[in-house]
């Protein structure tokens, strides 16, 4: 799982790229879970939380830019 400090150090473009990659991984994990081929069930939770952290950072940055 990505550390929040690592995510904060990334640029907006890097966060967007990582978000896209994580959403693809989340889709694949859901597909594997539906077909009972999931090897690491905990990875679903990690991906979901990392997506939430990235979205939170993006909204915080957007809010800060709007106030400035």
Protein backbone atom coordinates (compact mmCIF):
# COMPACT_ATOMS: atom_id res chain seq x y z
CA UNK A 1 0.00 0.00 0.00
CA UNK A 2 1.27 3.43 -0.87
CA UNK A 3 2.22 5.65 2.02
CA UNK A 4 0.39 8.97 2.18
CA UNK A 5 3.73 10.83 2.28
CA UNK A 6 4.75 9.16 -0.99
CA UNK A 7 1.48 10.24 -2.57
CA UNK A 8 1.83 13.82 -1.33
CA UNK A 9 5.25 14.06 -2.98
CA UNK A 10 3.81 13.25 -6.41
CA UNK A 11 2.57 15.79 -8.91
CA UNK A 12 -1.05 16.05 -10.01
CA UNK A 13 -0.27 14.27 -13.29
CA UNK A 14 1.47 11.42 -11.49
CA UNK A 15 -1.48 11.05 -9.13
CA UNK A 16 -3.89 10.92 -12.06
CA UNK A 17 -1.80 8.22 -13.76
CA UNK A 18 -1.62 6.17 -10.59
CA UNK A 19 -5.36 6.56 -10.04
CA UNK A 20 -6.03 5.21 -13.54
CA UNK A 21 -3.74 2.24 -12.96
CA UNK A 22 -5.34 1.47 -9.60
CA UNK A 23 -8.85 1.62 -11.06
CA UNK A 24 -7.82 -0.90 -13.72
CA UNK A 25 -6.33 -3.12 -11.02
CA UNK A 26 -9.50 -2.77 -8.96
CA UNK A 27 -11.58 -3.88 -11.93
CA UNK A 28 -9.34 -6.91 -12.47
CA UNK A 29 -9.48 -7.80 -8.78
CA UNK A 30 -13.29 -7.61 -8.79
CA UNK A 31 -13.35 -9.85 -11.84
CA UNK A 32 -11.03 -12.36 -10.13
CA UNK A 33 -13.16 -12.29 -6.99
CA UNK A 34 -16.30 -13.01 -8.99
CA UNK A 35 -14.68 -16.05 -10.61
CA UNK A 36 -13.08 -17.28 -7.36
CA UNK A 37 -9.54 -16.80 -8.68
CA UNK A 38 -8.47 -14.13 -6.20
CA UNK A 39 -5.10 -14.96 -4.62
CA UNK A 40 -4.77 -12.02 -2.21
CA UNK A 41 -8.15 -10.83 -0.89
CA UNK A 42 -6.44 -8.13 1.20
CA UNK A 43 -5.22 -6.45 -1.99
CA UNK A 44 -8.80 -5.37 -2.77
CA UNK A 45 -8.87 -3.36 0.43
CA UNK A 46 -5.42 -1.85 -0.15
CA UNK A 47 -6.32 -0.71 -3.67
CA UNK A 48 -9.63 0.75 -2.52
CA UNK A 49 -7.96 2.71 0.28
CA UNK A 50 -5.17 4.00 -1.97
CA UNK A 51 -7.76 5.20 -4.49
CA UNK A 52 -9.55 7.04 -1.70
CA UNK A 53 -6.29 8.63 -0.52
CA UNK A 54 -5.48 9.84 -4.02
CA UNK A 55 -8.95 11.29 -4.51
CA UNK A 56 -8.72 13.04 -1.15
CA UNK A 57 -5.36 14.57 -2.06
CA UNK A 58 -6.71 15.73 -5.42
CA UNK A 59 -9.72 17.41 -3.81
CA UNK A 60 -7.54 19.05 -1.15
CA UNK A 61 -5.22 20.43 -3.82
CA UNK A 62 -8.16 21.67 -5.89
CA UNK A 63 -9.67 23.38 -2.85
CA UNK A 64 -6.33 25.01 -1.98
CA UNK A 65 -5.89 26.23 -5.55
CA UNK A 66 -9.41 27.70 -5.58
CA UNK A 67 -8.75 29.65 -2.37
CA UNK A 68 -5.42 31.00 -3.59
